[in-house]
């Protein structure tokens, strides 16, 4: 399916989970230095959004949730940058 999320998970599952949702750029290209600064203190999960212009915020939110559940991630802190903060609310 072309409308798929990509996910990268860094760190150990025993650490607190921090999920990063990008801004309108839609991927993890600007968060690398932040992730490295966190080091091994958290399990850092980062997303790339599907390349679509037809989805609603609710569809993005449902996709994020489904992708996290597929990876066995059921708890964590959400960090939304710009557009990503709007995805978090639904």
N, C-alpha and C. Protein backbone atom coordinates (compact mmCIF):
# COMPACT_ATOMS: atom_id res chain seq x y z
N UNK A 1 0.85 -1.18 0.00
CA UNK A 1 0.00 0.00 0.00
C UNK A 1 0.89 1.24 0.00
N UNK A 2 0.68 2.19 -0.89
CA UNK A 2 1.55 3.36 -0.96
C UNK A 2 1.37 4.31 0.21
N UNK A 3 0.25 4.25 0.89
CA UNK A 3 -0.01 5.15 2.01
C UNK A 3 0.37 4.47 3.32
N UNK A 4 1.68 4.21 3.48
CA UNK A 4 2.16 3.55 4.68
C UNK A 4 3.09 4.45 5.46
N UNK A 5 3.09 4.27 6.76
CA UNK A 5 4.03 4.95 7.63
C UNK A 5 5.33 4.17 7.64
N UNK A 6 6.42 4.86 7.81
CA UNK A 6 7.70 4.21 8.09
C UNK A 6 8.02 4.54 9.54
N UNK A 7 8.64 3.61 10.22
CA UNK A 7 8.96 3.79 11.63
C UNK A 7 10.37 3.29 11.88
N UNK A 8 11.08 4.03 12.73
CA UNK A 8 12.40 3.59 13.19
C UNK A 8 12.37 3.64 14.72
N UNK A 9 12.93 2.61 15.32
CA UNK A 9 12.95 2.51 16.78
C UNK A 9 14.40 2.41 17.22
N UNK A 10 14.78 3.32 18.12
CA UNK A 10 16.14 3.36 18.64
C UNK A 10 16.09 3.13 20.14
N UNK A 11 16.92 2.27 20.63
CA UNK A 11 17.02 2.09 22.07
C UNK A 11 16.30 0.86 22.57
N UNK A 12 16.49 0.61 23.84
CA UNK A 12 15.99 -0.58 24.50
C UNK A 12 14.54 -0.41 24.96
N UNK A 13 13.76 -1.45 24.82
CA UNK A 13 12.34 -1.41 25.20
C UNK A 13 12.15 -1.23 26.70
N UNK A 14 13.20 -1.45 27.50
CA UNK A 14 13.07 -1.25 28.95
C UNK A 14 13.11 0.23 29.33
N UNK A 15 13.54 1.09 28.42
CA UNK A 15 13.59 2.52 28.66
C UNK A 15 12.23 3.15 28.39
N UNK A 16 11.97 4.33 28.98
CA UNK A 16 10.73 5.05 28.63
C UNK A 16 10.70 5.33 27.13
N UNK A 17 9.51 5.27 26.54
CA UNK A 17 9.36 5.45 25.10
C UNK A 17 8.94 6.88 24.79
N UNK A 18 9.65 7.49 23.85
CA UNK A 18 9.32 8.82 23.34
C UNK A 18 9.06 8.69 21.85
N UNK A 19 7.84 9.04 21.44
CA UNK A 19 7.42 8.91 20.04
C UNK A 19 7.43 10.31 19.41
N UNK A 20 8.23 10.47 18.37
CA UNK A 20 8.35 11.74 17.67
C UNK A 20 7.52 11.72 16.39
N UNK A 21 6.62 12.70 16.27
CA UNK A 21 5.82 12.88 15.05
C UNK A 21 6.28 14.17 14.38
N UNK A 22 6.75 14.07 13.15
CA UNK A 22 7.36 15.22 12.48
C UNK A 22 6.35 16.29 12.07
N UNK A 23 6.92 17.43 11.70
CA UNK A 23 6.11 18.53 11.18
C UNK A 23 5.72 18.30 9.73
N UNK A 24 5.48 19.38 9.02
CA UNK A 24 5.00 19.28 7.65
C UNK A 24 6.03 18.67 6.70
N UNK A 25 7.30 18.65 7.08
CA UNK A 25 8.30 17.99 6.24
C UNK A 25 8.04 16.49 6.19
N UNK A 26 7.36 15.93 7.20
CA UNK A 26 6.83 14.58 7.14
C UNK A 26 7.78 13.43 7.40
N UNK A 27 9.02 13.74 7.82
CA UNK A 27 9.94 12.63 8.06
C UNK A 27 10.91 12.96 9.19
N UNK A 28 11.90 12.12 9.36
CA UNK A 28 12.82 12.23 10.50
C UNK A 28 14.10 12.98 10.17
N UNK A 29 14.13 13.74 9.09
CA UNK A 29 15.38 14.37 8.64
C UNK A 29 15.90 15.44 9.60
N UNK A 30 15.07 16.08 10.40
CA UNK A 30 15.54 17.17 11.26
C UNK A 30 15.67 16.79 12.73
N UNK A 31 15.40 15.57 13.09
CA UNK A 31 15.39 15.20 14.51
C UNK A 31 16.63 14.43 14.94
N UNK A 32 17.53 14.15 14.04
CA UNK A 32 18.69 13.33 14.35
C UNK A 32 19.54 13.83 15.50
N UNK A 33 19.87 15.12 15.52
CA UNK A 33 20.69 15.66 16.60
C UNK A 33 19.98 15.56 17.94
N UNK A 34 18.69 15.81 17.95
CA UNK A 34 17.91 15.68 19.19
C UNK A 34 17.95 14.24 19.69
N UNK A 35 17.74 13.30 18.78
CA UNK A 35 17.76 11.88 19.15
C UNK A 35 19.12 11.50 19.73
N UNK A 36 20.18 11.94 19.08
CA UNK A 36 21.53 11.62 19.58
C UNK A 36 21.78 12.26 20.94
N UNK A 37 21.27 13.46 21.17
CA UNK A 37 21.46 14.14 22.46
C UNK A 37 20.75 13.38 23.59
N UNK A 38 19.65 12.72 23.28
CA UNK A 38 18.94 11.93 24.29
C UNK A 38 19.74 10.69 24.70
N UNK A 39 20.58 10.23 23.78
CA UNK A 39 21.39 9.05 24.08
C UNK A 39 20.55 7.83 24.36
N UNK A 40 20.95 7.10 25.37
CA UNK A 40 20.26 5.85 25.71
C UNK A 40 19.24 6.02 26.83
N UNK A 41 18.86 7.27 27.12
CA UNK A 41 17.92 7.52 28.22
C UNK A 41 16.48 7.16 27.87
N UNK A 42 16.16 7.06 26.59
CA UNK A 42 14.81 6.71 26.15
C UNK A 42 14.88 5.75 24.97
N UNK A 43 13.78 5.08 24.75
CA UNK A 43 13.59 4.37 23.47
C UNK A 43 12.91 5.39 22.57
N UNK A 44 13.59 5.78 21.52
CA UNK A 44 13.12 6.85 20.64
C UNK A 44 12.50 6.24 19.40
N UNK A 45 11.25 6.61 19.14
CA UNK A 45 10.49 6.10 17.99
C UNK A 45 10.21 7.28 17.07
N UNK A 46 10.58 7.14 15.81
CA UNK A 46 10.36 8.23 14.87
C UNK A 46 9.62 7.73 13.63
N UNK A 47 8.84 8.63 13.05
CA UNK A 47 7.96 8.30 11.93
C UNK A 47 8.29 9.08 10.68
N UNK A 48 7.94 8.50 9.54
CA UNK A 48 7.80 9.20 8.27
C UNK A 48 6.35 9.00 7.85
N UNK A 49 5.69 10.09 7.51
CA UNK A 49 4.29 10.02 7.09
C UNK A 49 4.16 9.50 5.66
N UNK A 50 3.02 8.91 5.35
CA UNK A 50 2.73 8.56 3.95
C UNK A 50 2.69 9.83 3.09
N UNK A 51 3.04 9.69 1.86
CA UNK A 51 3.03 10.83 0.93
C UNK A 51 1.65 10.93 0.28
N UNK A 52 0.76 11.59 1.00
CA UNK A 52 -0.61 11.76 0.52
C UNK A 52 -1.10 13.15 0.89
N UNK A 53 -2.03 13.66 0.12
CA UNK A 53 -2.63 14.96 0.44
C UNK A 53 -4.12 14.81 0.71
N UNK A 54 -4.59 13.58 0.84
CA UNK A 54 -6.03 13.36 0.98
C UNK A 54 -6.44 12.94 2.39
N UNK A 55 -5.51 12.61 3.26
CA UNK A 55 -5.86 12.11 4.59
C UNK A 55 -6.28 13.23 5.53
N UNK A 56 -7.16 12.89 6.44
CA UNK A 56 -7.55 13.80 7.53
C UNK A 56 -6.59 13.59 8.70
N UNK A 57 -6.65 14.49 9.66
CA UNK A 57 -5.84 14.32 10.87
C UNK A 57 -6.20 13.02 11.60
N UNK A 58 -7.48 12.68 11.58
CA UNK A 58 -7.92 11.44 12.23
C UNK A 58 -7.30 10.21 11.56
N UNK A 59 -7.17 10.25 10.23
CA UNK A 59 -6.55 9.13 9.51
C UNK A 59 -5.06 9.02 9.84
N UNK A 60 -4.39 10.16 9.93
CA UNK A 60 -2.98 10.14 10.35
C UNK A 60 -2.87 9.56 11.76
N UNK A 61 -3.71 10.04 12.67
CA UNK A 61 -3.65 9.58 14.06
C UNK A 61 -3.92 8.08 14.15
N UNK A 62 -4.91 7.60 13.42
CA UNK A 62 -5.22 6.16 13.43
C UNK A 62 -4.05 5.36 12.86
N UNK A 63 -3.41 5.88 11.83
CA UNK A 63 -2.25 5.20 11.25
C UNK A 63 -1.07 5.14 12.21
N UNK A 64 -0.82 6.23 12.93
CA UNK A 64 0.25 6.24 13.93
C UNK A 64 -0.05 5.21 15.01
N UNK A 65 -1.27 5.23 15.52
CA UNK A 65 -1.65 4.29 16.57
C UNK A 65 -1.51 2.84 16.10
N UNK A 66 -2.01 2.54 14.91
CA UNK A 66 -1.93 1.18 14.39
C UNK A 66 -0.48 0.74 14.20
N UNK A 67 0.36 1.65 13.70
CA UNK A 67 1.76 1.32 13.49
C UNK A 67 2.47 1.05 14.82
N UNK A 68 2.18 1.85 15.82
CA UNK A 68 2.77 1.62 17.14
C UNK A 68 2.33 0.28 17.70
N UNK A 69 1.04 -0.02 17.59
CA UNK A 69 0.53 -1.29 18.12
C UNK A 69 1.15 -2.48 17.38
N UNK A 70 1.35 -2.36 16.07
CA UNK A 70 2.01 -3.42 15.30
C UNK A 70 3.41 -3.71 15.81
N UNK A 71 4.06 -2.69 16.36
CA UNK A 71 5.41 -2.84 16.90
C UNK A 71 5.40 -3.19 18.39
N UNK A 72 4.21 -3.39 18.95
CA UNK A 72 4.10 -3.74 20.36
C UNK A 72 4.27 -2.57 21.31
N UNK A 73 4.17 -1.37 20.79
CA UNK A 73 4.31 -0.16 21.62
C UNK A 73 2.93 0.30 22.05
N UNK A 74 2.66 0.20 23.33
CA UNK A 74 1.34 0.52 23.87
C UNK A 74 1.36 1.70 24.83
N UNK A 75 2.56 2.12 25.23
CA UNK A 75 2.70 3.24 26.16
C UNK A 75 3.87 4.10 25.73
N UNK A 76 3.78 5.38 26.02
CA UNK A 76 4.90 6.26 25.73
C UNK A 76 4.47 7.71 25.73
N UNK A 77 5.45 8.56 25.64
CA UNK A 77 5.23 10.00 25.53
C UNK A 77 5.21 10.36 24.06
N UNK A 78 4.33 11.30 23.69
CA UNK A 78 4.22 11.75 22.31
C UNK A 78 4.82 13.15 22.19
N UNK A 79 5.67 13.32 21.21
CA UNK A 79 6.28 14.61 20.92
C UNK A 79 5.96 14.97 19.48
N UNK A 80 5.09 15.96 19.30
CA UNK A 80 4.68 16.36 17.96
C UNK A 80 5.25 17.71 17.59
N UNK A 81 5.96 17.75 16.48
CA UNK A 81 6.53 18.99 15.98
C UNK A 81 5.56 19.62 14.98
N UNK A 82 5.13 20.84 15.23
CA UNK A 82 4.30 21.57 14.29
C UNK A 82 3.09 20.74 13.87
N UNK A 83 3.03 20.32 12.62
CA UNK A 83 1.92 19.50 12.12
C UNK A 83 1.74 18.24 12.98
N UNK A 84 2.83 17.66 13.43
CA UNK A 84 2.76 16.45 14.25
C UNK A 84 1.97 16.65 15.53
N UNK A 85 1.99 17.86 16.07
CA UNK A 85 1.21 18.14 17.28
C UNK A 85 -0.29 18.04 16.98
N UNK A 86 -0.69 18.37 15.77
CA UNK A 86 -2.10 18.25 15.41
C UNK A 86 -2.51 16.80 15.23
N UNK A 87 -1.58 15.96 14.81
CA UNK A 87 -1.85 14.52 14.66
C UNK A 87 -2.07 13.90 16.03
N UNK A 88 -1.38 14.39 17.03
CA UNK A 88 -1.49 13.83 18.39
C UNK A 88 -2.89 14.03 18.97
N UNK A 89 -3.53 15.14 18.73
CA UNK A 89 -4.79 15.45 19.41
C UNK A 89 -5.91 14.44 19.16
N UNK A 90 -6.15 13.99 17.94
CA UNK A 90 -7.24 13.02 17.78
C UNK A 90 -6.94 11.71 18.49
